[in-house]
Amino acid sequence: MGIGTVVIEGTDDAIVLTDKDGDKTALIDPDSELYYRYGWTIPVASLRYWALGIPDPEIPSESELDDQGRLSKLEQGGWAVAISRYRENAGQEMPRTLTATNPDTRVRMVIDKWMFFER
């Protein structure tokens, strides 16, 4: 799509988008605001689960596991998700690279660093 790197960070309370120029924007309605800004959208709520290597529990899905029992492919909510690489973090295998596609959009996500917080 040629828009460069977009960083999406979030918690239960807020989603912040940092564009390729370093400008940060808090997103109130991420799905519609991403579409308005870039002409594409991704299911931000589901992306949170996919990045953890699990299906979104709120949406029916079909999944496929690799030889180590990790999620490798997922069909959910009109999206096809493929996790191509895992990396060890905090003593467990976590997704490193995933690609999510639907008929209109292809998103490649590379997770550089996992940070775990106690609640």
N, C-alpha and C. Protein backbone atom coordinates (compact mmCIF):
# COMPACT_ATOMS: atom_id res chain seq x y z
N MET A 1 0.82 -1.20 0.00
CA MET A 1 0.00 0.00 0.00
C MET A 1 0.86 1.26 0.00
N GLY A 2 2.13 1.11 0.30
CA GLY A 2 3.02 2.24 0.19
C GLY A 2 2.90 3.30 1.27
N ILE A 3 2.26 2.98 2.40
CA ILE A 3 2.13 4.00 3.44
C ILE A 3 3.27 3.94 4.43
N GLY A 4 4.12 2.94 4.34
CA GLY A 4 5.23 2.83 5.28
C GLY A 4 4.78 2.17 6.56
N THR A 5 5.61 2.33 7.57
CA THR A 5 5.35 1.71 8.85
C THR A 5 4.37 2.52 9.67
N VAL A 6 3.40 1.83 10.21
CA VAL A 6 2.45 2.43 11.15
C VAL A 6 2.54 1.59 12.41
N VAL A 7 2.72 2.25 13.54
CA VAL A 7 2.80 1.55 14.81
C VAL A 7 1.49 1.74 15.54
N ILE A 8 0.88 0.64 15.96
CA ILE A 8 -0.35 0.69 16.73
C ILE A 8 -0.04 0.10 18.10
N GLU A 9 -0.22 0.91 19.13
CA GLU A 9 0.00 0.47 20.50
C GLU A 9 -1.30 0.62 21.25
N GLY A 10 -1.55 -0.29 22.17
CA GLY A 10 -2.81 -0.16 22.88
C GLY A 10 -2.86 -0.88 24.20
N THR A 11 -3.83 -0.46 24.96
CA THR A 11 -4.16 -1.10 26.23
C THR A 11 -5.67 -1.32 26.20
N ASP A 12 -6.22 -1.75 27.32
CA ASP A 12 -7.67 -1.90 27.40
C ASP A 12 -8.37 -0.55 27.27
N ASP A 13 -7.66 0.53 27.60
CA ASP A 13 -8.28 1.85 27.66
C ASP A 13 -8.03 2.73 26.45
N ALA A 14 -6.95 2.51 25.71
CA ALA A 14 -6.61 3.44 24.63
C ALA A 14 -5.80 2.76 23.53
N ILE A 15 -5.97 3.28 22.31
CA ILE A 15 -5.19 2.85 21.16
C ILE A 15 -4.50 4.10 20.62
N VAL A 16 -3.18 4.00 20.42
CA VAL A 16 -2.41 5.13 19.88
C VAL A 16 -1.73 4.68 18.60
N LEU A 17 -1.90 5.48 17.55
CA LEU A 17 -1.29 5.20 16.27
C LEU A 17 -0.13 6.18 16.08
N THR A 18 1.03 5.67 15.68
CA THR A 18 2.16 6.52 15.33
C THR A 18 2.43 6.30 13.85
N ASP A 19 2.34 7.38 13.06
CA ASP A 19 2.51 7.23 11.61
C ASP A 19 3.99 7.28 11.25
N LYS A 20 4.27 7.16 9.96
CA LYS A 20 5.66 7.08 9.49
C LYS A 20 6.46 8.35 9.78
N ASP A 21 5.77 9.48 10.04
CA ASP A 21 6.45 10.73 10.37
C ASP A 21 6.65 10.92 11.87
N GLY A 22 6.17 9.93 12.66
CA GLY A 22 6.32 10.02 14.11
C GLY A 22 5.18 10.73 14.81
N ASP A 23 4.16 11.15 14.06
CA ASP A 23 3.01 11.81 14.66
C ASP A 23 2.12 10.78 15.35
N LYS A 24 1.75 11.06 16.60
CA LYS A 24 0.93 10.15 17.39
C LYS A 24 -0.51 10.67 17.44
N THR A 25 -1.45 9.72 17.33
CA THR A 25 -2.87 10.04 17.38
C THR A 25 -3.58 9.00 18.23
N ALA A 26 -4.35 9.46 19.21
CA ALA A 26 -5.20 8.56 19.98
C ALA A 26 -6.42 8.25 19.13
N LEU A 27 -6.76 6.97 19.02
CA LEU A 27 -7.90 6.55 18.21
C LEU A 27 -9.07 6.19 19.11
N ILE A 28 -10.18 6.84 18.89
CA ILE A 28 -11.40 6.57 19.66
C ILE A 28 -12.11 5.34 19.08
N ASP A 29 -12.28 5.33 17.76
CA ASP A 29 -12.91 4.23 17.04
C ASP A 29 -11.90 3.74 16.00
N PRO A 30 -10.97 2.86 16.41
CA PRO A 30 -9.85 2.50 15.53
C PRO A 30 -10.25 2.00 14.15
N ASP A 31 -11.25 1.15 14.06
CA ASP A 31 -11.61 0.59 12.76
C ASP A 31 -12.00 1.68 11.78
N SER A 32 -12.91 2.55 12.16
CA SER A 32 -13.36 3.59 11.23
C SER A 32 -12.32 4.68 11.02
N GLU A 33 -11.54 5.02 12.05
CA GLU A 33 -10.52 6.05 11.91
C GLU A 33 -9.37 5.60 11.01
N LEU A 34 -8.99 4.33 11.08
CA LEU A 34 -7.96 3.83 10.17
C LEU A 34 -8.45 3.89 8.73
N TYR A 35 -9.72 3.55 8.51
CA TYR A 35 -10.27 3.61 7.17
C TYR A 35 -10.30 5.05 6.67
N TYR A 36 -10.70 5.98 7.51
CA TYR A 36 -10.76 7.39 7.13
C TYR A 36 -9.37 7.92 6.77
N ARG A 37 -8.36 7.57 7.56
CA ARG A 37 -7.01 8.09 7.36
C ARG A 37 -6.28 7.43 6.19
N TYR A 38 -6.42 6.09 6.07
CA TYR A 38 -5.59 5.34 5.13
C TYR A 38 -6.37 4.59 4.04
N GLY A 39 -7.68 4.51 4.16
CA GLY A 39 -8.46 3.79 3.18
C GLY A 39 -8.49 2.29 3.42
N TRP A 40 -8.02 1.84 4.56
CA TRP A 40 -8.04 0.44 4.93
C TRP A 40 -8.32 0.34 6.42
N THR A 41 -8.70 -0.83 6.83
CA THR A 41 -8.94 -1.06 8.25
C THR A 41 -8.52 -2.47 8.61
N ILE A 42 -8.24 -2.66 9.85
CA ILE A 42 -7.95 -3.98 10.39
C ILE A 42 -8.78 -4.13 11.66
N PRO A 43 -9.16 -5.33 12.00
CA PRO A 43 -9.94 -5.53 13.22
C PRO A 43 -9.04 -5.43 14.45
N VAL A 44 -8.88 -4.23 14.96
CA VAL A 44 -7.93 -3.97 16.05
C VAL A 44 -8.20 -4.87 17.26
N ALA A 45 -9.46 -5.06 17.60
CA ALA A 45 -9.79 -5.90 18.76
C ALA A 45 -9.30 -7.34 18.54
N SER A 46 -9.47 -7.87 17.35
CA SER A 46 -9.01 -9.23 17.04
C SER A 46 -7.50 -9.29 16.91
N LEU A 47 -6.90 -8.24 16.37
CA LEU A 47 -5.46 -8.19 16.18
C LEU A 47 -4.72 -8.41 17.49
N ARG A 48 -5.29 -7.93 18.56
CA ARG A 48 -4.71 -8.11 19.89
C ARG A 48 -4.52 -9.61 20.20
N TYR A 49 -5.54 -10.40 19.89
CA TYR A 49 -5.45 -11.85 20.14
C TYR A 49 -4.52 -12.53 19.15
N TRP A 50 -4.65 -12.16 17.86
CA TRP A 50 -3.81 -12.77 16.84
C TRP A 50 -2.34 -12.57 17.16
N ALA A 51 -1.99 -11.38 17.66
CA ALA A 51 -0.59 -11.10 18.01
C ALA A 51 -0.10 -11.99 19.14
N LEU A 52 -1.02 -12.50 19.94
CA LEU A 52 -0.68 -13.43 21.01
C LEU A 52 -0.64 -14.88 20.53
N GLY A 53 -1.04 -15.09 19.27
CA GLY A 53 -1.05 -16.45 18.72
C GLY A 53 -2.28 -17.24 19.09
N ILE A 54 -3.40 -16.55 19.33
CA ILE A 54 -4.67 -17.21 19.65
C ILE A 54 -5.80 -16.55 18.88
N PRO A 55 -6.89 -17.28 18.60
CA PRO A 55 -8.04 -16.68 17.94
C PRO A 55 -8.78 -15.73 18.90
N ASP A 56 -9.46 -14.75 18.33
CA ASP A 56 -10.33 -13.87 19.11
C ASP A 56 -11.48 -14.74 19.65
N PRO A 57 -11.66 -14.81 20.96
CA PRO A 57 -12.69 -15.70 21.52
C PRO A 57 -14.12 -15.26 21.23
N GLU A 58 -14.30 -14.03 20.74
CA GLU A 58 -15.64 -13.52 20.48
C GLU A 58 -16.16 -13.84 19.08
N ILE A 59 -15.29 -14.37 18.20
CA ILE A 59 -15.67 -14.59 16.80
C ILE A 59 -15.37 -16.04 16.42
N PRO A 60 -16.31 -16.71 15.75
CA PRO A 60 -16.05 -18.09 15.30
C PRO A 60 -14.80 -18.13 14.41
N SER A 61 -14.05 -19.23 14.50
CA SER A 61 -12.83 -19.32 13.72
C SER A 61 -12.52 -20.76 13.34
N GLU A 62 -11.64 -20.88 12.35
CA GLU A 62 -11.05 -22.16 11.98
C GLU A 62 -9.55 -21.95 12.07
N SER A 63 -8.87 -22.85 12.76
CA SER A 63 -7.44 -22.65 12.94
C SER A 63 -6.65 -23.91 12.62
N GLU A 64 -5.37 -23.70 12.39
CA GLU A 64 -4.45 -24.79 12.08
C GLU A 64 -3.20 -24.58 12.94
N LEU A 65 -2.71 -25.67 13.52
CA LEU A 65 -1.53 -25.60 14.38
C LEU A 65 -0.32 -26.16 13.65
N ASP A 66 0.87 -25.69 14.04
CA ASP A 66 2.10 -26.24 13.48
C ASP A 66 2.53 -27.48 14.27
N ASP A 67 3.69 -28.02 13.94
CA ASP A 67 4.17 -29.25 14.57
C ASP A 67 4.43 -29.09 16.07
N GLN A 68 4.66 -27.86 16.54
CA GLN A 68 4.89 -27.61 17.96
C GLN A 68 3.62 -27.22 18.71
N GLY A 69 2.46 -27.29 18.02
CA GLY A 69 1.19 -26.98 18.65
C GLY A 69 0.88 -25.50 18.73
N ARG A 70 1.61 -24.69 17.96
CA ARG A 70 1.37 -23.24 17.94
C ARG A 70 0.47 -22.89 16.77
N LEU A 71 -0.30 -21.81 16.92
CA LEU A 71 -1.17 -21.36 15.85
C LEU A 71 -0.33 -20.98 14.64
N SER A 72 -0.66 -21.54 13.48
CA SER A 72 0.06 -21.18 12.26
C SER A 72 -0.85 -20.51 11.24
N LYS A 73 -2.12 -20.93 11.18
CA LYS A 73 -3.08 -20.34 10.26
C LYS A 73 -4.42 -20.19 10.96
N LEU A 74 -5.14 -19.15 10.56
CA LEU A 74 -6.42 -18.84 11.18
C LEU A 74 -7.32 -18.16 10.17
N GLU A 75 -8.57 -18.58 10.12
CA GLU A 75 -9.61 -17.89 9.34
C GLU A 75 -10.61 -17.36 10.35
N GLN A 76 -10.79 -16.04 10.36
CA GLN A 76 -11.68 -15.46 11.36
C GLN A 76 -12.19 -14.10 10.89
N GLY A 77 -13.50 -13.93 10.97
CA GLY A 77 -14.11 -12.64 10.66
C GLY A 77 -13.79 -12.12 9.27
N GLY A 78 -13.63 -13.02 8.29
CA GLY A 78 -13.32 -12.60 6.93
C GLY A 78 -11.84 -12.35 6.68
N TRP A 79 -11.00 -12.68 7.65
CA TRP A 79 -9.56 -12.49 7.54
C TRP A 79 -8.85 -13.84 7.56
N ALA A 80 -7.79 -13.95 6.79
CA ALA A 80 -6.89 -15.10 6.83
C ALA A 80 -5.62 -14.63 7.50
N VAL A 81 -5.24 -15.30 8.57
CA VAL A 81 -4.06 -14.92 9.34
C VAL A 81 -3.05 -16.05 9.27
N ALA A 82 -1.80 -15.69 8.98
CA ALA A 82 -0.71 -16.67 8.96
C ALA A 82 0.40 -16.16 9.87
N ILE A 83 0.80 -16.99 10.82
CA ILE A 83 1.92 -16.65 11.69
C ILE A 83 3.11 -17.45 11.18
N SER A 84 4.09 -16.74 10.63
CA SER A 84 5.20 -17.42 9.97
C SER A 84 6.43 -17.61 10.86
N ARG A 85 6.55 -16.83 11.92
CA ARG A 85 7.70 -16.96 12.80
C ARG A 85 7.29 -16.74 14.25
N TYR A 86 7.89 -17.52 15.12
CA TYR A 86 7.74 -17.35 16.56
C TYR A 86 9.12 -17.07 17.14
N ARG A 87 9.14 -16.47 18.32
CA ARG A 87 10.40 -16.22 19.03
C ARG A 87 10.13 -16.34 20.52
N GLU A 88 11.13 -16.82 21.25
CA GLU A 88 10.96 -16.99 22.69
C GLU A 88 11.03 -15.64 23.40
N ASN A 89 10.06 -15.41 24.27
CA ASN A 89 10.00 -14.22 25.11
C ASN A 89 9.45 -14.63 26.46
N ALA A 90 10.11 -14.20 27.51
CA ALA A 90 9.67 -14.50 28.88
C ALA A 90 9.43 -16.00 29.07
N GLY A 91 10.26 -16.83 28.42
CA GLY A 91 10.18 -18.26 28.60
C GLY A 91 9.11 -18.96 27.80
N GLN A 92 8.45 -18.25 26.88
CA GLN A 92 7.45 -18.91 26.04
C GLN A 92 7.56 -18.42 24.60
N GLU A 93 7.10 -19.24 23.68
CA GLU A 93 7.12 -18.90 22.27
C GLU A 93 5.99 -17.91 21.97
N MET A 94 6.36 -16.76 21.41
CA MET A 94 5.39 -15.72 21.07
C MET A 94 5.53 -15.40 19.59
N PRO A 95 4.42 -15.02 18.93
CA PRO A 95 4.52 -14.67 17.51
C PRO A 95 5.53 -13.54 17.27
N ARG A 96 6.27 -13.67 16.19
CA ARG A 96 7.23 -12.64 15.77
C ARG A 96 6.74 -11.96 14.49
N THR A 97 6.23 -12.77 13.54
CA THR A 97 5.77 -12.22 12.26
C THR A 97 4.42 -12.84 11.91
N LEU A 98 3.46 -11.98 11.59
CA LEU A 98 2.17 -12.49 11.12
C LEU A 98 1.66 -11.62 9.99
N THR A 99 0.88 -12.25 9.13
CA THR A 99 0.26 -11.56 8.00
C THR A 99 -1.23 -11.82 8.06
N ALA A 100 -2.01 -10.74 7.97
CA ALA A 100 -3.47 -10.84 7.96
C ALA A 100 -3.97 -10.26 6.64
N THR A 101 -4.81 -11.03 5.94
CA THR A 101 -5.32 -10.57 4.66
C THR A 101 -6.82 -10.76 4.58
N ASN A 102 -7.46 -9.88 3.84
CA ASN A 102 -8.85 -10.05 3.43
C ASN A 102 -8.89 -9.60 1.97
N PRO A 103 -10.04 -9.61 1.32
CA PRO A 103 -10.05 -9.25 -0.11
C PRO A 103 -9.52 -7.84 -0.41
N ASP A 104 -9.56 -6.93 0.55
CA ASP A 104 -9.17 -5.54 0.29
C ASP A 104 -7.83 -5.12 0.90
N THR A 105 -7.35 -5.86 1.88
CA THR A 105 -6.22 -5.39 2.67
C THR A 105 -5.26 -6.51 3.01
N ARG A 106 -3.97 -6.19 3.04
CA ARG A 106 -2.95 -7.10 3.51
C ARG A 106 -2.11 -6.35 4.53
N VAL A 107 -2.02 -6.91 5.73
CA VAL A 107 -1.26 -6.28 6.81
C VAL A 107 -0.19 -7.26 7.25
N ARG A 108 1.04 -6.80 7.28
CA ARG A 108 2.14 -7.62 7.80
C ARG A 108 2.59 -6.99 9.10
N MET A 109 2.65 -7.80 10.13
CA MET A 109 2.99 -7.30 11.45
C MET A 109 4.26 -8.00 11.92
N VAL A 110 5.24 -7.20 12.33
CA VAL A 110 6.48 -7.71 12.90
C VAL A 110 6.56 -7.20 14.32
N ILE A 111 6.64 -8.11 15.26
CA ILE A 111 6.69 -7.75 16.67
C ILE A 111 8.15 -7.77 17.10
N ASP A 112 8.68 -6.59 17.37
CA ASP A 112 10.09 -6.47 17.73
C ASP A 112 10.35 -6.82 19.18
N LYS A 113 9.43 -6.45 20.05
CA LYS A 113 9.69 -6.63 21.47
C LYS A 113 8.37 -6.85 22.21
N TRP A 114 8.36 -7.83 23.08
CA TRP A 114 7.22 -8.08 23.95
C TRP A 114 7.55 -7.49 25.32
N MET A 115 6.57 -6.82 25.91
CA MET A 115 6.71 -6.31 27.27
C MET A 115 5.53 -6.84 28.06
N PHE A 116 5.81 -7.49 29.19
CA PHE A 116 4.76 -8.07 30.01
C PHE A 116 4.64 -7.28 31.29
N PHE A 117 3.41 -6.98 31.68
CA PHE A 117 3.16 -6.22 32.87
C PHE A 117 2.28 -7.01 33.82
N GLU A 118 2.52 -6.88 35.11
CA GLU A 118 1.64 -7.51 36.09
C GLU A 118 0.49 -6.58 36.37
N ARG A 119 -0.68 -7.15 36.56
CA ARG A 119 -1.87 -6.33 36.88
C ARG A 119 -2.11 -6.32 38.34
